[in-house]
Amino acid sequence: MFKKILISIIVFYFLVLIQTSFLVHFTIFDAVPNIVLILVIIWNLLEKRKNYLGLINALIGGFFLDIFSVGFIGFYVLILVGLAIFIKLIFKRYVQIPFIDKI
């Protein structure tokens, strides 16, 4: 588990660096693509129900986005962790996909 968290820290650090330094020059309708948000959503959708690494990844990604942004500290952490919890609750209550439990 520690190795996965360490790899997540490194991956999210480089994704935030790419997003804040490189992707700001490539806007789509004056909006910068948020690759950290996309990765957190995909991670929580594809993760097993009983694992909580998606929540930890949301916390890490939100922390790095807060560090590199000019807004309030904690804004992205709240957004990403709230979204991860929402995805987990929806999947736990309403979605039953048998092949994800085998992965």
C-alpha atoms as a PDB file:
ATOM      1  CA  MET A   1       0.000   0.000   0.000  1.00  0.00           C
ATOM      2  CA  PHE A   2       2.863   2.362   0.816  1.00  0.00           C
ATOM      3  CA  LYS A   3       4.382   1.816  -2.625  1.00  0.00           C
ATOM      4  CA  LYS A   4       1.084   2.627  -4.330  1.00  0.00           C
ATOM      5  CA  ILE A   5       0.728   5.846  -2.330  1.00  0.00           C
ATOM      6  CA  LEU A   6       4.306   6.855  -3.114  1.00  0.00           C
ATOM      7  CA  ILE A   7       3.771   6.206  -6.823  1.00  0.00           C
ATOM      8  CA  SER A   8       0.513   8.191  -6.644  1.00  0.00           C
ATOM      9  CA  ILE A   9       2.328  11.133  -5.074  1.00  0.00           C
ATOM     10  CA  ILE A  10       4.918  11.149  -7.844  1.00  0.00           C
ATOM     11  CA  VAL A  11       2.324  10.742 -10.626  1.00  0.00           C
ATOM     12  CA  PHE A  12       0.050  13.483  -9.315  1.00  0.00           C
ATOM     13  CA  TYR A  13       2.981  15.825  -8.776  1.00  0.00           C
ATOM     14  CA  PHE A  14       4.040  15.508 -12.408  1.00  0.00           C
ATOM     15  CA  LEU A  15       0.448  15.734 -13.665  1.00  0.00           C
ATOM     16  CA  VAL A  16      -0.111  18.970 -11.764  1.00  0.00           C
ATOM     17  CA  LEU A  17       3.177  20.344 -13.067  1.00  0.00           C
ATOM     18  CA  ILE A  18       2.153  19.510 -16.632  1.00  0.00           C
ATOM     19  CA  GLN A  19      -1.319  20.939 -16.094  1.00  0.00           C
ATOM     20  CA  THR A  20      -0.196  24.228 -14.554  1.00  0.00           C
ATOM     21  CA  SER A  21       2.812  24.908 -16.742  1.00  0.00           C
ATOM     22  CA  PHE A  22       2.148  23.315 -20.129  1.00  0.00           C
ATOM     23  CA  LEU A  23      -1.581  22.818 -20.619  1.00  0.00           C
ATOM     24  CA  VAL A  24      -2.450  26.448 -19.868  1.00  0.00           C
ATOM     25  CA  HIS A  25      -1.251  27.244 -23.374  1.00  0.00           C
ATOM     26  CA  PHE A  26      -3.722  24.787 -24.935  1.00  0.00           C
ATOM     27  CA  THR A  27      -7.172  25.977 -23.948  1.00  0.00           C
ATOM     28  CA  ILE A  28     -10.449  24.613 -25.233  1.00  0.00           C
ATOM     29  CA  PHE A  29     -13.067  27.393 -25.279  1.00  0.00           C
ATOM     30  CA  ASP A  30     -10.896  29.339 -22.789  1.00  0.00           C
ATOM     31  CA  ALA A  31     -10.818  26.439 -20.309  1.00  0.00           C
ATOM     32  CA  VAL A  32      -7.767  24.447 -19.281  1.00  0.00           C
ATOM     33  CA  PRO A  33      -8.267  20.652 -19.221  1.00  0.00           C
ATOM     34  CA  ASN A  34      -8.039  19.323 -15.677  1.00  0.00           C
ATOM     35  CA  ILE A  35      -6.198  16.018 -16.022  1.00  0.00           C
ATOM     36  CA  VAL A  36      -6.022  15.486 -12.270  1.00  0.00           C
ATOM     37  CA  LEU A  37      -9.818  15.590 -12.031  1.00  0.00           C
ATOM     38  CA  ILE A  38     -10.120  13.165 -14.928  1.00  0.00           C
ATOM     39  CA  LEU A  39      -7.624  10.748 -13.337  1.00  0.00           C
ATOM     40  CA  VAL A  40      -9.388  10.874  -9.953  1.00  0.00           C
ATOM     41  CA  ILE A  41     -12.754  10.140 -11.595  1.00  0.00           C
ATOM     42  CA  ILE A  42     -11.366   7.256 -13.649  1.00  0.00           C
ATOM     43  CA  TRP A  43      -9.497   5.830 -10.653  1.00  0.00           C
ATOM     44  CA  ASN A  44     -12.622   5.839  -8.471  1.00  0.00           C
ATOM     45  CA  LEU A  45     -14.786   4.370 -11.207  1.00  0.00           C
ATOM     46  CA  LEU A  46     -12.435   1.458 -11.877  1.00  0.00           C
ATOM     47  CA  GLU A  47     -11.404   0.705  -8.304  1.00  0.00           C
ATOM     48  CA  LYS A  48     -12.900  -2.092  -6.231  1.00  0.00           C
ATOM     49  CA  ARG A  49     -15.608  -1.047  -3.830  1.00  0.00           C
ATOM     50  CA  LYS A  50     -13.744  -1.923  -0.671  1.00  0.00           C
ATOM     51  CA  ASN A  51     -10.488  -0.152  -1.567  1.00  0.00           C
ATOM     52  CA  TYR A  52      -9.955   3.415  -0.494  1.00  0.00           C
ATOM     53  CA  LEU A  53      -6.907   4.301  -2.556  1.00  0.00           C
ATOM     54  CA  GLY A  54      -9.160   6.444  -4.764  1.00  0.00           C
ATOM     55  CA  LEU A  55      -9.955   8.675  -1.797  1.00  0.00           C
ATOM     56  CA  ILE A  56      -6.269   8.943  -0.946  1.00  0.00           C
ATOM     57  CA  ASN A  57      -5.508   9.803  -4.574  1.00  0.00           C
ATOM     58  CA  ALA A  58      -8.196  12.497  -4.500  1.00  0.00           C
ATOM     59  CA  LEU A  59      -6.588  13.933  -1.378  1.00  0.00           C
ATOM     60  CA  ILE A  60      -3.118  13.885  -2.935  1.00  0.00           C
ATOM     61  CA  GLY A  61      -4.284  15.368  -6.241  1.00  0.00           C
ATOM     62  CA  GLY A  62      -6.290  18.071  -4.484  1.00  0.00           C
ATOM     63  CA  PHE A  63      -3.350  18.925  -2.253  1.00  0.00           C
ATOM     64  CA  PHE A  64      -1.018  19.408  -5.211  1.00  0.00           C
ATOM     65  CA  LEU A  65      -3.614  21.423  -7.126  1.00  0.00           C
ATOM     66  CA  ASP A  66      -4.040  23.657  -4.071  1.00  0.00           C
ATOM     67  CA  ILE A  67      -0.307  24.154  -3.738  1.00  0.00           C
ATOM     68  CA  PHE A  68       0.073  25.208  -7.383  1.00  0.00           C
ATOM     69  CA  SER A  69      -3.084  27.352  -7.604  1.00  0.00           C
ATOM     70  CA  VAL A  70      -3.730  30.924  -6.546  1.00  0.00           C
ATOM     71  CA  GLY A  71      -7.110  30.210  -4.938  1.00  0.00           C
ATOM     72  CA  PHE A  72      -8.017  29.205  -1.414  1.00  0.00           C
ATOM     73  CA  ILE A  73      -6.062  26.400   0.225  1.00  0.00           C
ATOM     74  CA  GLY A  74      -8.289  23.363   0.558  1.00  0.00           C
ATOM     75  CA  PHE A  75     -10.673  24.158  -2.296  1.00  0.00           C
ATOM     76  CA  TYR A  76      -9.478  21.412  -4.645  1.00  0.00           C
ATOM     77  CA  VAL A  77      -9.071  18.947  -1.787  1.00  0.00           C
ATOM     78  CA  LEU A  78     -12.723  19.427  -0.836  1.00  0.00           C
ATOM     79  CA  ILE A  79     -13.903  19.178  -4.431  1.00  0.00           C
ATOM     80  CA  LEU A  80     -11.917  16.046  -5.318  1.00  0.00           C
ATOM     81  CA  VAL A  81     -12.509  14.192  -2.046  1.00  0.00           C
ATOM     82  CA  GLY A  82     -16.212  15.057  -2.178  1.00  0.00           C
ATOM     83  CA  LEU A  83     -16.403  13.778  -5.740  1.00  0.00           C
ATOM     84  CA  ALA A  84     -14.582  10.566  -4.794  1.00  0.00           C
ATOM     85  CA  ILE A  85     -16.942   9.974  -1.865  1.00  0.00           C
ATOM     86  CA  PHE A  86     -19.944  10.653  -4.113  1.00  0.00           C
ATOM     87  CA  ILE A  87     -18.699   8.128  -6.690  1.00  0.00           C
ATOM     88  CA  LYS A  88     -18.067   5.537  -3.971  1.00  0.00           C
ATOM     89  CA  LEU A  89     -21.554   6.018  -2.491  1.00  0.00           C
ATOM     90  CA  ILE A  90     -23.284   5.793  -5.858  1.00  0.00           C
ATOM     91  CA  PHE A  91     -21.379   2.645  -6.773  1.00  0.00           C
ATOM     92  CA  LYS A  92     -22.018   1.087  -3.374  1.00  0.00           C
ATOM     93  CA  ARG A  93     -25.754   1.697  -3.398  1.00  0.00           C
ATOM     94  CA  TYR A  94     -26.918   1.624  -6.992  1.00  0.00           C
ATOM     95  CA  VAL A  95     -24.392  -0.038  -9.285  1.00  0.00           C
ATOM     96  CA  GLN A  96     -23.604  -3.712  -9.391  1.00  0.00           C
ATOM     97  CA  ILE A  97     -20.895  -4.698 -11.854  1.00  0.00           C
ATOM     98  CA  PRO A  98     -19.751  -8.282 -11.236  1.00  0.00           C
ATOM     99  CA  PHE A  99     -16.631  -8.218 -13.412  1.00  0.00           C
ATOM    100  CA  ILE A 100     -14.954  -5.320 -11.535  1.00  0.00           C
ATOM    101  CA  ASP A 101     -14.811  -7.384  -8.325  1.00  0.00           C
ATOM    102  CA  LYS A 102     -12.740 -10.014 -10.135  1.00  0.00           C
ATOM    103  CA  ILE A 103     -10.071  -7.539 -11.261  1.00  0.00           C
END
